[in-house]
Amino acid sequence: MITSSIPGLSWRSLQGSDVGAVAQRAGKCLEADGGLPLEATDTYTQEHYLSAWPGPSIGAFEADGRLIACATVQPTNTPDDYRVIIVGQVHPTNRKRGASAIAY
């Protein structure tokens, strides 16, 4: 578990049991910001946050277990090129409190 300078938050790698919480978080961000509805599905979450070829992922959780922010880095390299996809989100009501740094 990663310690946080934000009181009341704990940080840890995302796990398979977090798929629903990440998809719900994406739904709230979609409502606030617009975007692609596909991002708020369990399938998208599984593929981008917990894929078979995993990159690092992290979630920020409140004391009651509610996920407020998450991010991941997924490699997408080919034989001729190396790239990564960075995906992150912070619940709209928790923005501007210091958790958004993980989304960059």
PDB file of N, CA and C in Angstrom:
ATOM      1  N   MET A   1       0.843  -1.175   0.000  1.00  0.00           N
ATOM      2  CA  MET A   1       0.000   0.000   0.000  1.00  0.00           C
ATOM      3  C   MET A   1       0.889   1.239   0.000  1.00  0.00           C
ATOM      4  N   ILE A   2       0.548   2.186  -0.848  1.00  0.00           N
ATOM      5  CA  ILE A   2       1.274   3.438  -0.950  1.00  0.00           C
ATOM      6  C   ILE A   2       0.651   4.427   0.014  1.00  0.00           C
ATOM      7  N   THR A   3       1.484   5.151   0.726  1.00  0.00           N
ATOM      8  CA  THR A   3       0.943   6.167   1.625  1.00  0.00           C
ATOM      9  C   THR A   3       0.664   7.437   0.838  1.00  0.00           C
ATOM     10  N   SER A   4      -0.224   8.234   1.331  1.00  0.00           N
ATOM     11  CA  SER A   4      -0.648   9.441   0.636  1.00  0.00           C
ATOM     12  C   SER A   4      -0.515  10.649   1.533  1.00  0.00           C
ATOM     13  N   SER A   5      -0.219  11.787   0.912  1.00  0.00           N
ATOM     14  CA  SER A   5      -0.215  13.028   1.669  1.00  0.00           C
ATOM     15  C   SER A   5      -1.614  13.628   1.764  1.00  0.00           C
ATOM     16  N   ILE A   6      -2.582  13.011   1.111  1.00  0.00           N
ATOM     17  CA  ILE A   6      -3.969  13.474   1.173  1.00  0.00           C
ATOM     18  C   ILE A   6      -4.655  12.704   2.294  1.00  0.00           C
ATOM     19  N   PRO A   7      -5.052  13.389   3.355  1.00  0.00           N
ATOM     20  CA  PRO A   7      -5.667  12.686   4.494  1.00  0.00           C
ATOM     21  C   PRO A   7      -6.878  11.861   4.087  1.00  0.00           C
ATOM     22  N   GLY A   8      -6.958  10.656   4.639  1.00  0.00           N
ATOM     23  CA  GLY A   8      -8.117   9.807   4.426  1.00  0.00           C
ATOM     24  C   GLY A   8      -8.058   8.936   3.185  1.00  0.00           C
ATOM     25  N   LEU A   9      -7.008   9.057   2.367  1.00  0.00           N
ATOM     26  CA  LEU A   9      -6.896   8.235   1.170  1.00  0.00           C
ATOM     27  C   LEU A   9      -5.829   7.174   1.338  1.00  0.00           C
ATOM     28  N   SER A  10      -6.105   6.004   0.790  1.00  0.00           N
ATOM     29  CA  SER A  10      -5.076   4.971   0.690  1.00  0.00           C
ATOM     30  C   SER A  10      -4.925   4.639  -0.787  1.00  0.00           C
ATOM     31  N   TRP A  11      -3.737   4.271  -1.174  1.00  0.00           N
ATOM     32  CA  TRP A  11      -3.415   4.009  -2.570  1.00  0.00           C
ATOM     33  C   TRP A  11      -2.953   2.561  -2.697  1.00  0.00           C
ATOM     34  N   ARG A  12      -3.385   1.900  -3.768  1.00  0.00           N
ATOM     35  CA  ARG A  12      -2.917   0.540  -4.030  1.00  0.00           C
ATOM     36  C   ARG A  12      -3.117   0.213  -5.501  1.00  0.00           C
ATOM     37  N   SER A  13      -2.448  -0.853  -5.938  1.00  0.00           N
ATOM     38  CA  SER A  13      -2.646  -1.334  -7.300  1.00  0.00           C
ATOM     39  C   SER A  13      -4.084  -1.807  -7.456  1.00  0.00           C
ATOM     40  N   LEU A  14      -4.642  -1.596  -8.633  1.00  0.00           N
ATOM     41  CA  LEU A  14      -5.993  -2.063  -8.898  1.00  0.00           C
ATOM     42  C   LEU A  14      -5.994  -3.573  -9.057  1.00  0.00           C
ATOM     43  N   GLN A  15      -7.107  -4.180  -8.676  1.00  0.00           N
ATOM     44  CA  GLN A  15      -7.275  -5.628  -8.731  1.00  0.00           C
ATOM     45  C   GLN A  15      -8.539  -5.954  -9.523  1.00  0.00           C
ATOM     46  N   GLY A  16      -8.689  -7.212  -9.888  1.00  0.00           N
ATOM     47  CA  GLY A  16      -9.863  -7.633 -10.640  1.00  0.00           C
ATOM     48  C   GLY A  16     -11.170  -7.257  -9.976  1.00  0.00           C
ATOM     49  N   SER A  17     -11.194  -7.266  -8.665  1.00  0.00           N
ATOM     50  CA  SER A  17     -12.419  -6.921  -7.932  1.00  0.00           C
ATOM     51  C   SER A  17     -12.764  -5.429  -8.030  1.00  0.00           C
ATOM     52  N   ASP A  18     -11.868  -4.622  -8.600  1.00  0.00           N
ATOM     53  CA  ASP A  18     -12.099  -3.180  -8.732  1.00  0.00           C
ATOM     54  C   ASP A  18     -12.728  -2.789 -10.065  1.00  0.00           C
ATOM     55  N   VAL A  19     -12.935  -3.741 -10.969  1.00  0.00           N
ATOM     56  CA  VAL A  19     -13.442  -3.428 -12.308  1.00  0.00           C
ATOM     57  C   VAL A  19     -14.744  -2.630 -12.242  1.00  0.00           C
ATOM     58  N   GLY A  20     -15.697  -3.064 -11.457  1.00  0.00           N
ATOM     59  CA  GLY A  20     -16.976  -2.360 -11.358  1.00  0.00           C
ATOM     60  C   GLY A  20     -16.824  -0.952 -10.822  1.00  0.00           C
ATOM     61  N   ALA A  21     -15.974  -0.764  -9.828  1.00  0.00           N
ATOM     62  CA  ALA A  21     -15.763   0.572  -9.253  1.00  0.00           C
ATOM     63  C   ALA A  21     -15.108   1.508 -10.265  1.00  0.00           C
ATOM     64  N   VAL A  22     -14.158   0.991 -11.046  1.00  0.00           N
ATOM     65  CA  VAL A  22     -13.508   1.821 -12.070  1.00  0.00           C
ATOM     66  C   VAL A  22     -14.524   2.197 -13.152  1.00  0.00           C
ATOM     67  N   ALA A  23     -15.344   1.258 -13.584  1.00  0.00           N
ATOM     68  CA  ALA A  23     -16.363   1.549 -14.597  1.00  0.00           C
ATOM     69  C   ALA A  23     -17.372   2.581 -14.075  1.00  0.00           C
ATOM     70  N   GLN A  24     -17.756   2.470 -12.809  1.00  0.00           N
ATOM     71  CA  GLN A  24     -18.661   3.464 -12.216  1.00  0.00           C
ATOM     72  C   GLN A  24     -18.002   4.834 -12.174  1.00  0.00           C
ATOM     73  N   ARG A  25     -16.710   4.866 -11.825  1.00  0.00           N
ATOM     74  CA  ARG A  25     -15.977   6.131 -11.787  1.00  0.00           C
ATOM     75  C   ARG A  25     -15.961   6.749 -13.174  1.00  0.00           C
ATOM     76  N   ALA A  26     -15.733   5.926 -14.191  1.00  0.00           N
ATOM     77  CA  ALA A  26     -15.730   6.411 -15.569  1.00  0.00           C
ATOM     78  C   ALA A  26     -17.100   6.973 -15.947  1.00  0.00           C
ATOM     79  N   GLY A  27     -18.169   6.333 -15.478  1.00  0.00           N
ATOM     80  CA  GLY A  27     -19.517   6.827 -15.746  1.00  0.00           C
ATOM     81  C   GLY A  27     -19.744   8.219 -15.175  1.00  0.00           C
ATOM     82  N   LYS A  28     -19.267   8.451 -13.960  1.00  0.00           N
ATOM     83  CA  LYS A  28     -19.407   9.783 -13.347  1.00  0.00           C
ATOM     84  C   LYS A  28     -18.596  10.821 -14.114  1.00  0.00           C
ATOM     85  N   CYS A  29     -17.387  10.443 -14.548  1.00  0.00           N
ATOM     86  CA  CYS A  29     -16.564  11.367 -15.332  1.00  0.00           C
ATOM     87  C   CYS A  29     -17.212  11.635 -16.687  1.00  0.00           C
ATOM     88  N   LEU A  30     -17.815  10.626 -17.283  1.00  0.00           N
ATOM     89  CA  LEU A  30     -18.511  10.773 -18.551  1.00  0.00           C
ATOM     90  C   LEU A  30     -19.685  11.749 -18.416  1.00  0.00           C
ATOM     91  N   GLU A  31     -20.444  11.629 -17.334  1.00  0.00           N
ATOM     92  CA  GLU A  31     -21.556  12.548 -17.092  1.00  0.00           C
ATOM     93  C   GLU A  31     -21.063  13.987 -16.971  1.00  0.00           C
ATOM     94  N   ALA A  32     -19.938  14.184 -16.291  1.00  0.00           N
ATOM     95  CA  ALA A  32     -19.423  15.528 -16.050  1.00  0.00           C
ATOM     96  C   ALA A  32     -18.693  16.116 -17.255  1.00  0.00           C
ATOM     97  N   ASP A  33     -17.977  15.272 -18.010  1.00  0.00           N
ATOM     98  CA  ASP A  33     -17.066  15.778 -19.023  1.00  0.00           C
ATOM     99  C   ASP A  33     -17.436  15.421 -20.453  1.00  0.00           C
ATOM    100  N   GLY A  34     -18.362  14.484 -20.630  1.00  0.00           N
ATOM    101  CA  GLY A  34     -18.637  13.964 -21.961  1.00  0.00           C
ATOM    102  C   GLY A  34     -17.568  12.945 -22.336  1.00  0.00           C
ATOM    103  N   GLY A  35     -17.634  12.458 -23.545  1.00  0.00           N
ATOM    104  CA  GLY A  35     -16.659  11.479 -23.992  1.00  0.00           C
ATOM    105  C   GLY A  35     -17.339  10.263 -24.577  1.00  0.00           C
ATOM    106  N   LEU A  36     -16.611   9.170 -24.599  1.00  0.00           N
ATOM    107  CA  LEU A  36     -17.112   7.941 -25.206  1.00  0.00           C
ATOM    108  C   LEU A  36     -17.796   7.058 -24.167  1.00  0.00           C
ATOM    109  N   PRO A  37     -19.064   6.714 -24.361  1.00  0.00           N
ATOM    110  CA  PRO A  37     -19.760   5.843 -23.414  1.00  0.00           C
ATOM    111  C   PRO A  37     -19.063   4.496 -23.207  1.00  0.00           C
ATOM    112  N   LEU A  38     -18.326   4.033 -24.199  1.00  0.00           N
ATOM    113  CA  LEU A  38     -17.595   2.771 -24.097  1.00  0.00           C
ATOM    114  C   LEU A  38     -16.657   2.757 -22.889  1.00  0.00           C
ATOM    115  N   GLU A  39     -16.119   3.917 -22.537  1.00  0.00           N
ATOM    116  CA  GLU A  39     -15.169   4.000 -21.423  1.00  0.00           C
ATOM    117  C   GLU A  39     -15.779   3.620 -20.078  1.00  0.00           C
ATOM    118  N   ALA A  40     -17.096   3.667 -19.959  1.00  0.00           N
ATOM    119  CA  ALA A  40     -17.760   3.365 -18.688  1.00  0.00           C
ATOM    120  C   ALA A  40     -18.275   1.931 -18.650  1.00  0.00           C
ATOM    121  N   THR A  41     -17.635   1.033 -19.397  1.00  0.00           N
ATOM    122  CA  THR A  41     -18.056  -0.365 -19.396  1.00  0.00           C
ATOM    123  C   THR A  41     -17.022  -1.237 -18.701  1.00  0.00           C
ATOM    124  N   ASP A  42     -17.478  -2.356 -18.192  1.00  0.00           N
ATOM    125  CA  ASP A  42     -16.558  -3.300 -17.562  1.00  0.00           C
ATOM    126  C   ASP A  42     -15.529  -3.816 -18.554  1.00  0.00           C
ATOM    127  N   THR A  43     -15.925  -4.014 -19.818  1.00  0.00           N
ATOM    128  CA  THR A  43     -15.007  -4.523 -20.833  1.00  0.00           C
ATOM    129  C   THR A  43     -13.858  -3.543 -21.058  1.00  0.00           C
ATOM    130  N   TYR A  44     -14.163  -2.270 -21.226  1.00  0.00           N
ATOM    131  CA  TYR A  44     -13.126  -1.251 -21.417  1.00  0.00           C
ATOM    132  C   TYR A  44     -12.210  -1.201 -20.197  1.00  0.00           C
ATOM    133  N   THR A  45     -12.813  -1.216 -19.019  1.00  0.00           N
ATOM    134  CA  THR A  45     -12.033  -1.185 -17.790  1.00  0.00           C
ATOM    135  C   THR A  45     -11.086  -2.373 -17.718  1.00  0.00           C
ATOM    136  N   GLN A  46     -11.581  -3.544 -17.991  1.00  0.00           N
ATOM    137  CA  GLN A  46     -10.742  -4.744 -17.947  1.00  0.00           C
ATOM    138  C   GLN A  46      -9.589  -4.634 -18.932  1.00  0.00           C
ATOM    139  N   GLU A  47      -9.871  -4.174 -20.147  1.00  0.00           N
ATOM    140  CA  GLU A  47      -8.842  -4.085 -21.180  1.00  0.00           C
ATOM    141  C   GLU A  47      -7.805  -3.011 -20.898  1.00  0.00           C
ATOM    142  N   HIS A  48      -8.211  -1.883 -20.323  1.00  0.00           N
ATOM    143  CA  HIS A  48      -7.286  -0.771 -20.144  1.00  0.00           C
ATOM    144  C   HIS A  48      -6.657  -0.676 -18.751  1.00  0.00           C
ATOM    145  N   TYR A  49      -7.320  -1.192 -17.746  1.00  0.00           N
ATOM    146  CA  TYR A  49      -6.772  -1.103 -16.395  1.00  0.00           C
ATOM    147  C   TYR A  49      -6.202  -2.432 -15.894  1.00  0.00           C
ATOM    148  N   LEU A  50      -6.732  -3.549 -16.380  1.00  0.00           N
ATOM    149  CA  LEU A  50      -6.326  -4.859 -15.865  1.00  0.00           C
ATOM    150  C   LEU A  50      -6.183  -5.861 -17.007  1.00  0.00           C
ATOM    151  N   SER A  51      -5.482  -5.491 -18.052  1.00  0.00           N
ATOM    152  CA  SER A  51      -5.370  -6.345 -19.229  1.00  0.00           C
ATOM    153  C   SER A  51      -4.451  -7.535 -18.975  1.00  0.00           C
ATOM    154  N   ALA A  52      -4.448  -8.459 -19.927  1.00  0.00           N
ATOM    155  CA  ALA A  52      -3.566  -9.628 -19.845  1.00  0.00           C
ATOM    156  C   ALA A  52      -2.102  -9.208 -19.954  1.00  0.00           C
ATOM    157  N   TRP A  53      -1.835  -8.078 -20.558  1.00  0.00           N
ATOM    158  CA  TRP A  53      -0.483  -7.541 -20.670  1.00  0.00           C
ATOM    159  C   TRP A  53      -0.428  -6.288 -19.804  1.00  0.00           C
ATOM    160  N   PRO A  54      -0.412  -6.474 -18.498  1.00  0.00           N
ATOM    161  CA  PRO A  54      -0.641  -5.340 -17.606  1.00  0.00           C
ATOM    162  C   PRO A  54       0.522  -4.380 -17.488  1.00  0.00           C
ATOM    163  N   GLY A  55       0.159  -3.122 -17.414  1.00  0.00           N
ATOM    164  CA  GLY A  55       1.079  -2.084 -17.009  1.00  0.00           C
ATOM    165  C   GLY A  55       0.712  -1.727 -15.587  1.00  0.00           C
ATOM    166  N   PRO A  56       1.412  -0.786 -15.016  1.00  0.00           N
ATOM    167  CA  PRO A  56       1.061  -0.408 -13.645  1.00  0.00           C
ATOM    168  C   PRO A  56      -0.292   0.289 -13.590  1.00  0.00           C
ATOM    169  N   SER A  57      -1.038   0.016 -12.552  1.00  0.00           N
ATOM    170  CA  SER A  57      -2.308   0.697 -12.310  1.00  0.00           C
ATOM    171  C   SER A  57      -2.369   1.044 -10.831  1.00  0.00           C
ATOM    172  N   ILE A  58      -3.117   2.102 -10.534  1.00  0.00           N
ATOM    173  CA  ILE A  58      -3.211   2.548  -9.147  1.00  0.00           C
ATOM    174  C   ILE A  58      -4.591   3.138  -8.915  1.00  0.00           C
ATOM    175  N   GLY A  59      -5.075   2.989  -7.700  1.00  0.00           N
ATOM    176  CA  GLY A  59      -6.342   3.577  -7.311  1.00  0.00           C
ATOM    177  C   GLY A  59      -6.196   4.290  -5.980  1.00  0.00           C
ATOM    178  N   ALA A  60      -6.940   5.363  -5.817  1.00  0.00           N
ATOM    179  CA  ALA A  60      -7.003   6.092  -4.555  1.00  0.00           C
ATOM    180  C   ALA A  60      -8.369   5.807  -3.934  1.00  0.00           C
ATOM    181  N   PHE A  61      -8.354   5.294  -2.721  1.00  0.00           N
ATOM    182  CA  PHE A  61      -9.578   4.874  -2.039  1.00  0.00           C
ATOM    183  C   PHE A  61      -9.784   5.663  -0.755  1.00  0.00           C
ATOM    184  N   GLU A  62     -11.036   6.059  -0.510  1.00  0.00           N
ATOM    185  CA  GLU A  62     -11.377   6.698   0.757  1.00  0.00           C
ATOM    186  C   GLU A  62     -11.455   5.622   1.837  1.00  0.00           C
ATOM    187  N   ALA A  63     -11.536   6.037   3.084  1.00  0.00           N
ATOM    188  CA  ALA A  63     -11.551   5.107   4.214  1.00  0.00           C
ATOM    189  C   ALA A  63     -12.699   4.100   4.125  1.00  0.00           C
ATOM    190  N   ASP A  64     -13.823   4.509   3.520  1.00  0.00           N
ATOM    191  CA  ASP A  64     -14.965   3.596   3.389  1.00  0.00           C
ATOM    192  C   ASP A  64     -14.837   2.648   2.196  1.00  0.00           C
ATOM    193  N   GLY A  65     -13.714   2.729   1.469  1.00  0.00           N
ATOM    194  CA  GLY A  65     -13.467   1.854   0.341  1.00  0.00           C
ATOM    195  C   GLY A  65     -13.887   2.404  -1.003  1.00  0.00           C
ATOM    196  N   ARG A  66     -14.451   3.605  -1.033  1.00  0.00           N
ATOM    197  CA  ARG A  66     -14.907   4.201  -2.292  1.00  0.00           C
ATOM    198  C   ARG A  66     -13.718   4.652  -3.129  1.00  0.00           C
ATOM    199  N   LEU A  67     -13.683   4.204  -4.383  1.00  0.00           N
ATOM    200  CA  LEU A  67     -12.637   4.595  -5.323  1.00  0.00           C
ATOM    201  C   LEU A  67     -12.898   6.012  -5.801  1.00  0.00           C
ATOM    202  N   ILE A  68     -11.930   6.909  -5.629  1.00  0.00           N
ATOM    203  CA  ILE A  68     -12.140   8.281  -6.093  1.00  0.00           C
ATOM    204  C   ILE A  68     -11.268   8.634  -7.289  1.00  0.00           C
ATOM    205  N   ALA A  69     -10.176   7.910  -7.485  1.00  0.00           N
ATOM    206  CA  ALA A  69      -9.298   8.211  -8.608  1.00  0.00           C
ATOM    207  C   ALA A  69      -8.530   6.960  -9.003  1.00  0.00           C
ATOM    208  N   CYS A  70      -8.167   6.892 -10.276  1.00  0.00           N
ATOM    209  CA  CYS A  70      -7.382   5.750 -10.733  1.00  0.00           C
ATOM    210  C   CYS A  70      -6.638   6.131 -12.005  1.00  0.00           C
ATOM    211  N   ALA A  71      -5.583   5.395 -12.281  1.00  0.00           N
ATOM    212  CA  ALA A  71      -4.792   5.623 -13.487  1.00  0.00           C
ATOM    213  C   ALA A  71      -4.059   4.346 -13.842  1.00  0.00           C
ATOM    214  N   THR A  72      -3.683   4.242 -15.109  1.00  0.00           N
ATOM    215  CA  THR A  72      -2.908   3.099 -15.579  1.00  0.00           C
ATOM    216  C   THR A  72      -2.058   3.503 -16.766  1.00  0.00           C
ATOM    217  N   VAL A  73      -1.002   2.754 -16.977  1.00  0.00           N
ATOM    218  CA  VAL A  73      -0.133   2.911 -18.134  1.00  0.00           C
ATOM    219  C   VAL A  73      -0.060   1.551 -18.807  1.00  0.00           C
ATOM    220  N   GLN A  74      -0.462   1.486 -20.078  1.00  0.00           N
ATOM    221  CA  GLN A  74      -0.462   0.225 -20.820  1.00  0.00           C
ATOM    222  C   GLN A  74       0.467   0.330 -22.021  1.00  0.00           C
ATOM    223  N   PRO A  75       1.471  -0.549 -22.110  1.00  0.00           N
ATOM    224  CA  PRO A  75       2.345  -0.535 -23.289  1.00  0.00           C
ATOM    225  C   PRO A  75       1.594  -1.032 -24.518  1.00  0.00           C
ATOM    226  N   THR A  76       1.870  -0.407 -25.661  1.00  0.00           N
ATOM    227  CA  THR A  76       1.263  -0.820 -26.924  1.00  0.00           C
ATOM    228  C   THR A  76       2.343  -0.928 -27.994  1.00  0.00           C
ATOM    229  N   ASN A  77       3.490  -1.440 -27.626  1.00  0.00           N
ATOM    230  CA  ASN A  77       4.604  -1.453 -28.558  1.00  0.00           C
ATOM    231  C   ASN A  77       4.430  -2.480 -29.672  1.00  0.00           C
ATOM    232  N   THR A  78       5.078  -2.165 -30.786  1.00  0.00           N
ATOM    233  CA  THR A  78       5.147  -3.046 -31.941  1.00  0.00           C
ATOM    234  C   THR A  78       6.630  -3.292 -32.217  1.00  0.00           C
ATOM    235  N   PRO A  79       6.973  -4.148 -33.148  1.00  0.00           N
ATOM    236  CA  PRO A  79       8.394  -4.368 -33.436  1.00  0.00           C
ATOM    237  C   PRO A  79       9.146  -3.094 -33.844  1.00  0.00           C
ATOM    238  N   ASP A  80       8.438  -2.123 -34.441  1.00  0.00           N
ATOM    239  CA  ASP A  80       9.092  -0.904 -34.918  1.00  0.00           C
ATOM    240  C   ASP A  80       8.853   0.330 -34.063  1.00  0.00           C
ATOM    241  N   ASP A  81       8.038   0.207 -33.039  1.00  0.00           N
ATOM    242  CA  ASP A  81       7.635   1.401 -32.300  1.00  0.00           C
ATOM    243  C   ASP A  81       7.275   1.015 -30.867  1.00  0.00           C
ATOM    244  N   TYR A  82       7.536   1.903 -29.935  1.00  0.00           N
ATOM    245  CA  TYR A  82       7.134   1.680 -28.552  1.00  0.00           C
ATOM    246  C   TYR A  82       6.275   2.858 -28.118  1.00  0.00           C
ATOM    247  N   ARG A  83       5.083   2.563 -27.681  1.00  0.00           N
ATOM    248  CA  ARG A  83       4.149   3.591 -27.209  1.00  0.00           C
ATOM    249  C   ARG A  83       3.441   3.086 -25.969  1.00  0.00           C
ATOM    250  N   VAL A  84       2.834   4.003 -25.247  1.00  0.00           N
ATOM    251  CA  VAL A  84       2.007   3.632 -24.108  1.00  0.00           C
ATOM    252  C   VAL A  84       0.707   4.414 -24.170  1.00  0.00           C
ATOM    253  N   ILE A  85      -0.318   3.825 -23.589  1.00  0.00           N
ATOM    254  CA  ILE A  85      -1.597   4.501 -23.407  1.00  0.00           C
ATOM    255  C   ILE A  85      -1.710   4.812 -21.922  1.00  0.00           C
ATOM    256  N   ILE A  86      -1.950   6.074 -21.610  1.00  0.00           N
ATOM    257  CA  ILE A  86      -2.125   6.490 -20.224  1.00  0.00           C
ATOM    258  C   ILE A  86      -3.596   6.858 -20.044  1.00  0.00           C
ATOM    259  N   VAL A  87      -4.254   6.193 -19.117  1.00  0.00           N
ATOM    260  CA  VAL A  87      -5.669   6.419 -18.847  1.00  0.00           C
ATOM    261  C   VAL A  87      -5.797   6.784 -17.374  1.00  0.00           C
ATOM    262  N   GLY A  88      -6.537   7.832 -17.081  1.00  0.00           N
ATOM    263  CA  GLY A  88      -6.736   8.207 -15.690  1.00  0.00           C
ATOM    264  C   GLY A  88      -8.024   8.988 -15.514  1.00  0.00           C
ATOM    265  N   GLN A  89      -8.533   8.947 -14.296  1.00  0.00           N
ATOM    266  CA  GLN A  89      -9.770   9.659 -14.011  1.00  0.00           C
ATOM    267  C   GLN A  89      -9.889   9.942 -12.515  1.00  0.00           C
ATOM    268  N   VAL A  90     -10.527  11.052 -12.231  1.00  0.00           N
ATOM    269  CA  VAL A  90     -10.797  11.454 -10.849  1.00  0.00           C
ATOM    270  C   VAL A  90     -12.277  11.793 -10.767  1.00  0.00           C
ATOM    271  N   HIS A  91     -12.958  11.242  -9.756  1.00  0.00           N
ATOM    272  CA  HIS A  91     -14.382  11.531  -9.581  1.00  0.00           C
ATOM    273  C   HIS A  91     -14.574  13.049  -9.567  1.00  0.00           C
ATOM    274  N   PRO A  92     -15.564  13.566 -10.297  1.00  0.00           N
ATOM    275  CA  PRO A  92     -15.757  15.014 -10.398  1.00  0.00           C
ATOM    276  C   PRO A  92     -15.841  15.744  -9.055  1.00  0.00           C
ATOM    277  N   THR A  93     -16.437  15.147  -8.040  1.00  0.00           N
ATOM    278  CA  THR A  93     -16.545  15.838  -6.750  1.00  0.00           C
ATOM    279  C   THR A  93     -15.242  15.822  -5.963  1.00  0.00           C
ATOM    280  N   ASN A  94     -14.258  15.069  -6.422  1.00  0.00           N
ATOM    281  CA  ASN A  94     -12.986  14.987  -5.718  1.00  0.00           C
ATOM    282  C   ASN A  94     -11.860  15.709  -6.448  1.00  0.00           C
ATOM    283  N   ARG A  95     -12.173  16.402  -7.506  1.00  0.00           N
ATOM    284  CA  ARG A  95     -11.149  17.124  -8.255  1.00  0.00           C
ATOM    285  C   ARG A  95     -10.688  18.356  -7.482  1.00  0.00           C
ATOM    286  N   LYS A  96      -9.481  18.777  -7.789  1.00  0.00           N
ATOM    287  CA  LYS A  96      -8.847  19.961  -7.191  1.00  0.00           C
ATOM    288  C   LYS A  96      -8.573  19.770  -5.699  1.00  0.00           C
ATOM    289  N   ARG A  97      -8.363  18.490  -5.302  1.00  0.00           N
ATOM    290  CA  ARG A  97      -8.000  18.198  -3.901  1.00  0.00           C
ATOM    291  C   ARG A  97      -6.641  17.517  -3.839  1.00  0.00           C
ATOM    292  N   GLY A  98      -5.939  17.418  -4.974  1.00  0.00           N
ATOM    293  CA  GLY A  98      -4.628  16.810  -4.985  1.00  0.00           C
ATOM    294  C   GLY A  98      -4.592  15.415  -5.550  1.00  0.00           C
ATOM    295  N   ALA A  99      -5.718  14.773  -5.781  1.00  0.00           N
ATOM    296  CA  ALA A  99      -5.727  13.417  -6.324  1.00  0.00           C
ATOM    297  C   ALA A  99      -5.526  13.406  -7.819  1.00  0.00           C
ATOM    298  N   SER A 100      -5.758  14.533  -8.491  1.00  0.00           N
ATOM    299  CA  SER A 100      -5.683  14.536  -9.942  1.00  0.00           C
ATOM    300  C   SER A 100      -4.276  14.342 -10.466  1.00  0.00           C
ATOM    301  N   ALA A 101      -3.276  14.488  -9.629  1.00  0.00           N
ATOM    302  CA  ALA A 101      -1.905  14.277 -10.091  1.00  0.00           C
ATOM    303  C   ALA A 101      -1.697  12.875 -10.620  1.00  0.00           C
ATOM    304  N   ILE A 102      -2.461  11.891 -10.152  1.00  0.00           N
ATOM    305  CA  ILE A 102      -2.268  10.530 -10.624  1.00  0.00           C
ATOM    306  C   ILE A 102      -2.804  10.349 -12.046  1.00  0.00           C
ATOM    307  N   ALA A 103      -3.612  11.263 -12.512  1.00  0.00           N
ATOM    308  CA  ALA A 103      -4.187  11.121 -13.838  1.00  0.00           C
ATOM    309  C   ALA A 103      -3.277  11.687 -14.922  1.00  0.00           C
ATOM    310  N   TYR A 104      -2.109  12.152 -14.569  1.00  0.00           N
ATOM    311  CA  TYR A 104      -1.180  12.722 -15.557  1.00  0.00           C
ATOM    312  C   TYR A 104       0.058  11.887 -15.687  1.00  0.00           C
TER     313      TYR A 104
END
